[in-house]
N, C-alpha and C. Protein backbone atom coordinates (compact mmCIF):
# COMPACT_ATOMS: atom_id res chain seq x y z
N MET A 1 -34.58 -52.30 17.89
CA MET A 1 -34.73 -50.90 18.25
C MET A 1 -33.46 -50.37 18.94
N ALA A 2 -32.90 -51.18 19.82
CA ALA A 2 -31.68 -50.76 20.52
C ALA A 2 -30.53 -50.57 19.53
N PHE A 3 -30.51 -51.43 18.53
CA PHE A 3 -29.47 -51.33 17.51
C PHE A 3 -29.58 -50.00 16.76
N LEU A 4 -30.78 -49.59 16.41
CA LEU A 4 -31.00 -48.34 15.70
C LEU A 4 -30.59 -47.15 16.56
N LYS A 5 -30.89 -47.23 17.85
CA LYS A 5 -30.48 -46.15 18.76
C LYS A 5 -28.96 -46.04 18.80
N SER A 6 -28.28 -47.19 18.86
CA SER A 6 -26.82 -47.19 18.90
C SER A 6 -26.25 -46.58 17.63
N VAL A 7 -26.80 -46.97 16.48
CA VAL A 7 -26.34 -46.43 15.21
C VAL A 7 -26.58 -44.92 15.17
N PHE A 8 -27.74 -44.50 15.66
CA PHE A 8 -28.07 -43.08 15.69
C PHE A 8 -27.07 -42.31 16.55
N TYR A 9 -26.75 -42.81 17.74
CA TYR A 9 -25.82 -42.14 18.64
C TYR A 9 -24.40 -42.09 18.04
N VAL A 10 -23.98 -43.16 17.43
CA VAL A 10 -22.67 -43.17 16.78
C VAL A 10 -22.63 -42.14 15.67
N PHE A 11 -23.70 -42.08 14.87
CA PHE A 11 -23.79 -41.11 13.79
C PHE A 11 -23.74 -39.68 14.34
N MET A 12 -24.45 -39.40 15.42
CA MET A 12 -24.48 -38.06 16.01
C MET A 12 -23.09 -37.67 16.54
N ILE A 13 -22.43 -38.60 17.20
CA ILE A 13 -21.10 -38.32 17.73
C ILE A 13 -20.13 -38.05 16.58
N PHE A 14 -20.17 -38.90 15.56
CA PHE A 14 -19.31 -38.74 14.40
C PHE A 14 -19.57 -37.39 13.72
N SER A 15 -20.83 -37.02 13.57
CA SER A 15 -21.18 -35.75 12.93
C SER A 15 -20.67 -34.56 13.74
N SER A 16 -20.81 -34.61 15.06
CA SER A 16 -20.36 -33.50 15.88
C SER A 16 -18.84 -33.36 15.85
N VAL A 17 -18.12 -34.48 15.77
CA VAL A 17 -16.67 -34.44 15.67
C VAL A 17 -16.26 -33.79 14.35
N ILE A 18 -16.91 -34.17 13.26
CA ILE A 18 -16.60 -33.59 11.94
C ILE A 18 -16.88 -32.09 11.95
N VAL A 19 -18.01 -31.69 12.50
CA VAL A 19 -18.36 -30.26 12.56
C VAL A 19 -17.33 -29.50 13.40
N SER A 20 -16.95 -30.06 14.55
CA SER A 20 -15.95 -29.41 15.40
C SER A 20 -14.62 -29.25 14.69
N MET A 21 -14.21 -30.29 13.98
CA MET A 21 -12.94 -30.23 13.26
C MET A 21 -13.00 -29.17 12.16
N SER A 22 -14.09 -29.10 11.44
CA SER A 22 -14.18 -28.12 10.36
C SER A 22 -14.27 -26.70 10.91
N GLU A 23 -14.92 -26.51 12.06
CA GLU A 23 -14.98 -25.18 12.67
C GLU A 23 -13.60 -24.75 13.13
N ALA A 24 -12.86 -25.66 13.75
CA ALA A 24 -11.51 -25.34 14.22
C ALA A 24 -10.60 -25.01 13.03
N LYS A 25 -10.71 -25.79 11.97
CA LYS A 25 -9.91 -25.53 10.79
C LYS A 25 -10.28 -24.18 10.18
N GLY A 26 -11.54 -23.87 10.15
CA GLY A 26 -12.00 -22.58 9.61
C GLY A 26 -11.52 -21.42 10.45
N GLN A 27 -11.49 -21.58 11.77
CA GLN A 27 -11.00 -20.51 12.64
C GLN A 27 -9.53 -20.27 12.40
N GLU A 28 -8.77 -21.35 12.22
CA GLU A 28 -7.34 -21.20 12.00
C GLU A 28 -7.09 -20.47 10.68
N LYS A 29 -7.85 -20.80 9.65
CA LYS A 29 -7.67 -20.16 8.36
C LYS A 29 -8.06 -18.69 8.40
N SER A 30 -9.03 -18.34 9.22
CA SER A 30 -9.54 -16.97 9.21
C SER A 30 -8.83 -16.04 10.19
N ALA A 31 -7.78 -16.51 10.86
CA ALA A 31 -7.06 -15.67 11.81
C ALA A 31 -6.37 -14.54 11.06
N VAL A 32 -6.83 -13.33 11.30
CA VAL A 32 -6.22 -12.14 10.70
C VAL A 32 -6.12 -11.07 11.78
N ILE A 33 -5.22 -10.15 11.56
CA ILE A 33 -5.07 -9.03 12.48
C ILE A 33 -5.02 -7.74 11.67
N GLU A 34 -5.61 -6.71 12.21
CA GLU A 34 -5.57 -5.40 11.57
C GLU A 34 -4.46 -4.59 12.24
N GLU A 35 -3.99 -3.58 11.51
CA GLU A 35 -2.89 -2.74 12.02
C GLU A 35 -3.22 -2.16 13.39
N LYS A 36 -4.44 -1.63 13.55
CA LYS A 36 -4.80 -0.98 14.81
C LYS A 36 -4.78 -1.97 15.98
N GLU A 37 -5.01 -3.26 15.71
CA GLU A 37 -4.95 -4.27 16.77
C GLU A 37 -3.51 -4.60 17.14
N LEU A 38 -2.61 -4.56 16.16
CA LEU A 38 -1.22 -4.93 16.39
C LEU A 38 -0.45 -3.82 17.11
N ILE A 39 -0.81 -2.58 16.86
CA ILE A 39 -0.08 -1.45 17.43
C ILE A 39 -0.15 -1.51 18.96
N GLY A 40 1.02 -1.40 19.57
CA GLY A 40 1.11 -1.44 21.03
C GLY A 40 2.23 -2.35 21.48
N SER A 41 2.20 -2.68 22.74
CA SER A 41 3.25 -3.45 23.39
C SER A 41 2.77 -4.89 23.63
N TRP A 42 3.58 -5.86 23.20
CA TRP A 42 3.26 -7.28 23.33
C TRP A 42 4.39 -7.99 24.05
N GLU A 43 4.05 -8.75 25.08
CA GLU A 43 5.06 -9.47 25.84
C GLU A 43 4.98 -10.97 25.55
N LEU A 44 6.16 -11.60 25.40
CA LEU A 44 6.22 -13.03 25.17
C LEU A 44 5.70 -13.76 26.41
N ASP A 45 4.78 -14.69 26.20
CA ASP A 45 4.30 -15.56 27.29
C ASP A 45 5.27 -16.73 27.38
N TYR A 46 6.32 -16.55 28.16
CA TYR A 46 7.40 -17.53 28.25
C TYR A 46 6.90 -18.89 28.72
N GLU A 47 6.07 -18.90 29.75
CA GLU A 47 5.59 -20.18 30.30
C GLU A 47 4.77 -20.96 29.27
N LYS A 48 3.91 -20.27 28.53
CA LYS A 48 3.11 -20.92 27.49
C LYS A 48 4.02 -21.48 26.41
N TRP A 49 5.00 -20.67 25.98
CA TRP A 49 5.96 -21.13 24.99
C TRP A 49 6.71 -22.36 25.48
N ARG A 50 7.18 -22.30 26.71
CA ARG A 50 7.96 -23.41 27.29
C ARG A 50 7.11 -24.68 27.38
N ASN A 51 5.86 -24.53 27.81
CA ASN A 51 4.97 -25.70 27.95
C ASN A 51 4.62 -26.32 26.60
N ASP A 52 4.57 -25.51 25.54
CA ASP A 52 4.19 -26.01 24.22
C ASP A 52 5.39 -26.33 23.32
N LEU A 53 6.59 -26.22 23.86
CA LEU A 53 7.79 -26.48 23.08
C LEU A 53 7.76 -27.91 22.54
N GLU A 54 8.10 -28.05 21.26
CA GLU A 54 8.10 -29.37 20.64
C GLU A 54 9.01 -30.31 21.42
N GLN A 55 8.63 -31.59 21.45
CA GLN A 55 9.35 -32.59 22.23
C GLN A 55 10.84 -32.62 21.88
N GLY A 56 11.18 -32.62 20.59
CA GLY A 56 12.58 -32.68 20.18
C GLY A 56 13.38 -31.49 20.66
N LYS A 57 12.78 -30.31 20.57
CA LYS A 57 13.45 -29.10 21.02
C LYS A 57 13.60 -29.10 22.54
N MET A 58 12.58 -29.60 23.22
CA MET A 58 12.63 -29.68 24.68
C MET A 58 13.75 -30.62 25.11
N GLU A 59 13.88 -31.75 24.45
CA GLU A 59 14.93 -32.70 24.79
C GLU A 59 16.31 -32.09 24.56
N ARG A 60 16.48 -31.38 23.43
CA ARG A 60 17.77 -30.72 23.16
C ARG A 60 18.10 -29.70 24.23
N LEU A 61 17.09 -28.93 24.63
CA LEU A 61 17.30 -27.91 25.65
C LEU A 61 17.65 -28.55 26.99
N ASN A 62 16.93 -29.60 27.35
CA ASN A 62 17.19 -30.26 28.64
C ASN A 62 18.55 -30.94 28.68
N LYS A 63 19.04 -31.44 27.54
CA LYS A 63 20.36 -32.08 27.49
C LYS A 63 21.47 -31.08 27.76
N LYS A 64 21.22 -29.82 27.49
CA LYS A 64 22.25 -28.79 27.67
C LYS A 64 22.49 -28.44 29.13
N GLY A 65 21.57 -28.84 30.00
CA GLY A 65 21.77 -28.63 31.42
C GLY A 65 21.07 -27.41 31.98
N ALA A 66 21.12 -27.33 33.30
CA ALA A 66 20.40 -26.27 34.03
C ALA A 66 20.95 -24.88 33.73
N GLU A 67 22.26 -24.79 33.52
CA GLU A 67 22.86 -23.47 33.28
C GLU A 67 22.34 -22.86 31.98
N LEU A 68 22.29 -23.66 30.92
CA LEU A 68 21.78 -23.14 29.65
C LEU A 68 20.28 -22.86 29.75
N ASN A 69 19.55 -23.71 30.44
CA ASN A 69 18.12 -23.48 30.65
C ASN A 69 17.88 -22.14 31.32
N ALA A 70 18.71 -21.82 32.30
CA ALA A 70 18.58 -20.54 33.01
C ALA A 70 18.88 -19.37 32.06
N LYS A 71 19.88 -19.54 31.18
CA LYS A 71 20.21 -18.48 30.22
C LYS A 71 19.08 -18.28 29.21
N VAL A 72 18.50 -19.39 28.75
CA VAL A 72 17.38 -19.30 27.81
C VAL A 72 16.21 -18.57 28.47
N LYS A 73 15.93 -18.92 29.71
CA LYS A 73 14.84 -18.26 30.42
C LYS A 73 15.13 -16.76 30.56
N GLU A 74 16.36 -16.43 30.89
CA GLU A 74 16.74 -15.02 31.04
C GLU A 74 16.59 -14.26 29.71
N LEU A 75 16.97 -14.91 28.62
CA LEU A 75 16.88 -14.25 27.31
C LEU A 75 15.44 -14.06 26.82
N TYR A 76 14.58 -15.02 27.11
CA TYR A 76 13.23 -14.99 26.55
C TYR A 76 12.15 -14.46 27.48
N LYS A 77 12.33 -14.62 28.77
CA LYS A 77 11.31 -14.13 29.70
C LYS A 77 11.27 -12.61 29.63
N ASN A 78 10.10 -12.06 29.62
CA ASN A 78 9.86 -10.61 29.55
C ASN A 78 10.29 -9.99 28.21
N ARG A 79 10.49 -10.80 27.19
CA ARG A 79 10.79 -10.26 25.85
C ARG A 79 9.57 -9.49 25.38
N THR A 80 9.79 -8.28 24.91
CA THR A 80 8.68 -7.41 24.55
C THR A 80 8.85 -6.85 23.14
N TYR A 81 7.77 -6.93 22.38
CA TYR A 81 7.71 -6.34 21.05
C TYR A 81 6.83 -5.10 21.14
N ILE A 82 7.30 -3.98 20.60
CA ILE A 82 6.48 -2.78 20.53
C ILE A 82 6.30 -2.42 19.06
N PHE A 83 5.06 -2.46 18.61
CA PHE A 83 4.72 -2.11 17.23
C PHE A 83 4.12 -0.71 17.23
N ASN A 84 4.78 0.20 16.55
CA ASN A 84 4.34 1.60 16.50
C ASN A 84 3.50 1.86 15.25
N ASP A 85 2.65 2.89 15.35
CA ASP A 85 1.74 3.19 14.24
C ASP A 85 2.45 3.76 13.02
N ASP A 86 3.73 4.14 13.14
CA ASP A 86 4.47 4.63 11.99
C ASP A 86 5.17 3.50 11.22
N GLY A 87 4.91 2.25 11.61
CA GLY A 87 5.50 1.10 10.92
C GLY A 87 6.84 0.66 11.49
N SER A 88 7.27 1.28 12.58
CA SER A 88 8.52 0.86 13.22
C SER A 88 8.19 -0.10 14.36
N PHE A 89 9.19 -0.88 14.74
CA PHE A 89 9.02 -1.76 15.91
C PHE A 89 10.32 -1.80 16.68
N GLU A 90 10.19 -2.20 17.93
CA GLU A 90 11.37 -2.41 18.77
C GLU A 90 11.14 -3.69 19.56
N LEU A 91 12.17 -4.51 19.59
CA LEU A 91 12.15 -5.75 20.35
C LEU A 91 13.09 -5.59 21.52
N PHE A 92 12.55 -5.66 22.73
CA PHE A 92 13.35 -5.55 23.95
C PHE A 92 13.62 -6.93 24.50
N ILE A 93 14.88 -7.21 24.72
CA ILE A 93 15.31 -8.49 25.29
C ILE A 93 15.64 -8.23 26.75
N SER A 94 15.33 -9.19 27.61
CA SER A 94 15.49 -8.97 29.05
C SER A 94 16.91 -8.65 29.48
N SER A 95 17.89 -8.91 28.62
CA SER A 95 19.28 -8.57 28.97
C SER A 95 19.55 -7.07 28.82
N GLY A 96 18.54 -6.33 28.38
CA GLY A 96 18.69 -4.89 28.20
C GLY A 96 18.97 -4.50 26.76
N GLN A 97 19.18 -5.46 25.91
CA GLN A 97 19.42 -5.18 24.50
C GLN A 97 18.09 -4.95 23.79
N SER A 98 18.18 -4.28 22.65
CA SER A 98 16.98 -4.09 21.84
C SER A 98 17.34 -4.13 20.37
N LEU A 99 16.37 -4.51 19.58
CA LEU A 99 16.49 -4.52 18.13
C LEU A 99 15.40 -3.62 17.58
N ARG A 100 15.73 -2.88 16.54
CA ARG A 100 14.75 -1.99 15.92
C ARG A 100 14.60 -2.37 14.46
N GLY A 101 13.49 -1.98 13.90
CA GLY A 101 13.25 -2.21 12.49
C GLY A 101 11.89 -1.70 12.10
N THR A 102 11.40 -2.21 10.99
CA THR A 102 10.07 -1.82 10.52
C THR A 102 9.22 -3.07 10.37
N TRP A 103 7.92 -2.88 10.43
CA TRP A 103 7.00 -3.99 10.28
C TRP A 103 5.93 -3.63 9.25
N VAL A 104 5.39 -4.66 8.64
CA VAL A 104 4.29 -4.49 7.70
C VAL A 104 3.43 -5.76 7.74
N LEU A 105 2.14 -5.58 7.66
CA LEU A 105 1.24 -6.72 7.57
C LEU A 105 1.22 -7.18 6.12
N SER A 106 1.23 -8.49 5.93
CA SER A 106 1.14 -9.03 4.57
C SER A 106 0.08 -10.13 4.55
N GLN A 107 -0.20 -10.60 3.38
CA GLN A 107 -1.21 -11.65 3.18
C GLN A 107 -2.53 -11.27 3.84
N ARG A 108 -2.90 -10.00 3.67
CA ARG A 108 -4.17 -9.48 4.19
C ARG A 108 -4.32 -9.70 5.70
N GLY A 109 -3.26 -9.41 6.43
CA GLY A 109 -3.31 -9.48 7.89
C GLY A 109 -3.06 -10.86 8.46
N LYS A 110 -2.59 -11.78 7.64
CA LYS A 110 -2.32 -13.14 8.12
C LYS A 110 -0.86 -13.36 8.46
N SER A 111 -0.03 -12.36 8.18
CA SER A 111 1.40 -12.48 8.43
C SER A 111 1.99 -11.11 8.74
N ILE A 112 3.01 -11.09 9.59
CA ILE A 112 3.72 -9.86 9.94
C ILE A 112 5.16 -10.01 9.45
N GLU A 113 5.59 -9.06 8.65
CA GLU A 113 6.97 -9.05 8.16
C GLU A 113 7.77 -8.06 9.01
N LEU A 114 8.86 -8.53 9.59
CA LEU A 114 9.76 -7.68 10.36
C LEU A 114 11.02 -7.47 9.54
N LEU A 115 11.35 -6.22 9.28
CA LEU A 115 12.53 -5.88 8.48
C LEU A 115 13.54 -5.17 9.37
N TYR A 116 14.79 -5.66 9.38
CA TYR A 116 15.85 -5.10 10.21
C TYR A 116 16.78 -4.23 9.36
N PRO A 117 17.42 -3.23 9.97
CA PRO A 117 18.34 -2.37 9.22
C PRO A 117 19.46 -3.16 8.52
N SER A 118 19.81 -4.31 9.04
CA SER A 118 20.87 -5.14 8.43
C SER A 118 20.43 -5.77 7.12
N GLY A 119 19.12 -5.69 6.84
CA GLY A 119 18.58 -6.32 5.63
C GLY A 119 17.93 -7.66 5.92
N ASN A 120 18.12 -8.18 7.12
CA ASN A 120 17.47 -9.44 7.50
C ASN A 120 15.96 -9.23 7.63
N LYS A 121 15.23 -10.30 7.44
CA LYS A 121 13.78 -10.23 7.49
C LYS A 121 13.23 -11.44 8.23
N ASP A 122 12.24 -11.23 9.06
CA ASP A 122 11.50 -12.32 9.70
C ASP A 122 10.06 -12.25 9.22
N SER A 123 9.50 -13.40 8.96
CA SER A 123 8.09 -13.49 8.58
C SER A 123 7.39 -14.30 9.65
N LEU A 124 6.37 -13.71 10.27
CA LEU A 124 5.63 -14.36 11.35
C LEU A 124 4.19 -14.58 10.90
N LYS A 125 3.82 -15.83 10.74
CA LYS A 125 2.46 -16.18 10.32
C LYS A 125 1.55 -16.18 11.54
N LEU A 126 0.40 -15.54 11.41
CA LEU A 126 -0.58 -15.51 12.49
C LEU A 126 -1.31 -16.85 12.52
N ILE A 127 -1.11 -17.60 13.59
CA ILE A 127 -1.76 -18.90 13.76
C ILE A 127 -3.13 -18.71 14.42
N SER A 128 -3.15 -17.90 15.47
CA SER A 128 -4.43 -17.65 16.14
C SER A 128 -4.39 -16.30 16.85
N LYS A 129 -5.58 -15.77 17.05
CA LYS A 129 -5.77 -14.50 17.77
C LYS A 129 -6.96 -14.71 18.69
N ASN A 130 -6.74 -14.47 19.96
CA ASN A 130 -7.79 -14.66 20.94
C ASN A 130 -7.75 -13.48 21.91
N GLY A 131 -8.59 -12.50 21.66
CA GLY A 131 -8.60 -11.32 22.52
C GLY A 131 -7.27 -10.60 22.46
N LEU A 132 -6.58 -10.56 23.58
CA LEU A 132 -5.30 -9.87 23.67
C LEU A 132 -4.12 -10.82 23.55
N ARG A 133 -4.34 -11.96 22.91
CA ARG A 133 -3.29 -12.97 22.74
C ARG A 133 -3.09 -13.29 21.27
N LEU A 134 -1.82 -13.43 20.89
CA LEU A 134 -1.47 -13.82 19.54
C LEU A 134 -0.58 -15.05 19.59
N ARG A 135 -0.76 -15.92 18.63
CA ARG A 135 0.16 -17.04 18.44
C ARG A 135 0.70 -16.90 17.02
N LEU A 136 2.02 -16.74 16.93
CA LEU A 136 2.69 -16.51 15.66
C LEU A 136 3.71 -17.61 15.42
N LYS A 137 3.92 -17.95 14.16
CA LYS A 137 4.90 -18.97 13.81
C LYS A 137 5.89 -18.40 12.80
N SER A 138 7.18 -18.55 13.10
CA SER A 138 8.22 -18.10 12.18
C SER A 138 8.17 -18.94 10.91
N GLU A 139 8.31 -18.25 9.78
CA GLU A 139 8.35 -18.94 8.50
C GLU A 139 9.67 -18.63 7.83
N GLY A 140 10.05 -19.47 6.93
CA GLY A 140 11.29 -19.25 6.21
C GLY A 140 12.16 -20.48 6.23
N GLN A 141 13.34 -20.35 5.63
CA GLN A 141 14.24 -21.48 5.45
C GLN A 141 14.62 -22.18 6.75
N ASN A 142 15.02 -21.43 7.75
CA ASN A 142 15.55 -22.02 8.97
C ASN A 142 14.58 -21.97 10.14
N ALA A 143 13.32 -21.69 9.88
CA ALA A 143 12.35 -21.52 10.96
C ALA A 143 12.23 -22.76 11.84
N ASP A 144 12.29 -23.94 11.25
CA ASP A 144 12.13 -25.16 12.04
C ASP A 144 13.35 -25.43 12.93
N LYS A 145 14.47 -24.78 12.66
CA LYS A 145 15.67 -24.95 13.48
C LYS A 145 15.71 -24.00 14.67
N LEU A 146 14.85 -22.98 14.64
CA LEU A 146 14.83 -22.01 15.73
C LEU A 146 14.24 -22.62 16.99
N LEU A 147 14.83 -22.30 18.12
CA LEU A 147 14.26 -22.74 19.39
C LEU A 147 12.93 -22.05 19.63
N LEU A 148 12.88 -20.79 19.26
CA LEU A 148 11.68 -19.98 19.46
C LEU A 148 10.98 -19.78 18.11
N SER A 149 10.49 -20.88 17.53
CA SER A 149 9.84 -20.78 16.23
C SER A 149 8.37 -20.38 16.35
N GLU A 150 7.79 -20.52 17.53
CA GLU A 150 6.43 -20.06 17.76
C GLU A 150 6.46 -19.06 18.90
N LEU A 151 5.74 -17.96 18.69
CA LEU A 151 5.64 -16.91 19.70
C LEU A 151 4.24 -16.86 20.26
N TYR A 152 4.13 -16.79 21.56
CA TYR A 152 2.85 -16.57 22.23
C TYR A 152 2.96 -15.19 22.85
N LEU A 153 2.22 -14.24 22.33
CA LEU A 153 2.32 -12.86 22.80
C LEU A 153 1.05 -12.42 23.49
N ILE A 154 1.21 -11.61 24.53
CA ILE A 154 0.09 -11.05 25.28
C ILE A 154 0.21 -9.53 25.20
N LYS A 155 -0.88 -8.87 24.83
CA LYS A 155 -0.85 -7.42 24.74
C LYS A 155 -0.86 -6.82 26.14
N LYS A 156 0.05 -5.86 26.34
CA LYS A 156 0.16 -5.23 27.67
C LYS A 156 -0.66 -3.96 27.70
């Protein structure tokens, strides 16, 4: 009888793990954003980004020393994206610089395309959306080489 109970408990634990994994996978696949949700001001969550930085990128950054770390923090902290309802956007960098361009949702709200006047384009895949928080991942040829390949944004 004890053996059957053990088998039953193992089966229940295994089943709940499988269900949890499939629910998490389903949530990731269903992450979409509508235009009205995106419109507004979004600030980069620097601390979240820094804490979740891939190990290899973190090691490269740390090897560069405290001075470069301070410059990276200055460049990325308080970085703000403003998405306007006319399809334009502006990216404010804490150094006082800004970039302008246009944005469009693609893949039925699963990706944001940023188009710059220079002709350059960024594609940001929506990984997750949780209330007023977005997690976006840069896609494209050199996305994995970017230090800031994932964005954690908070709506202001």
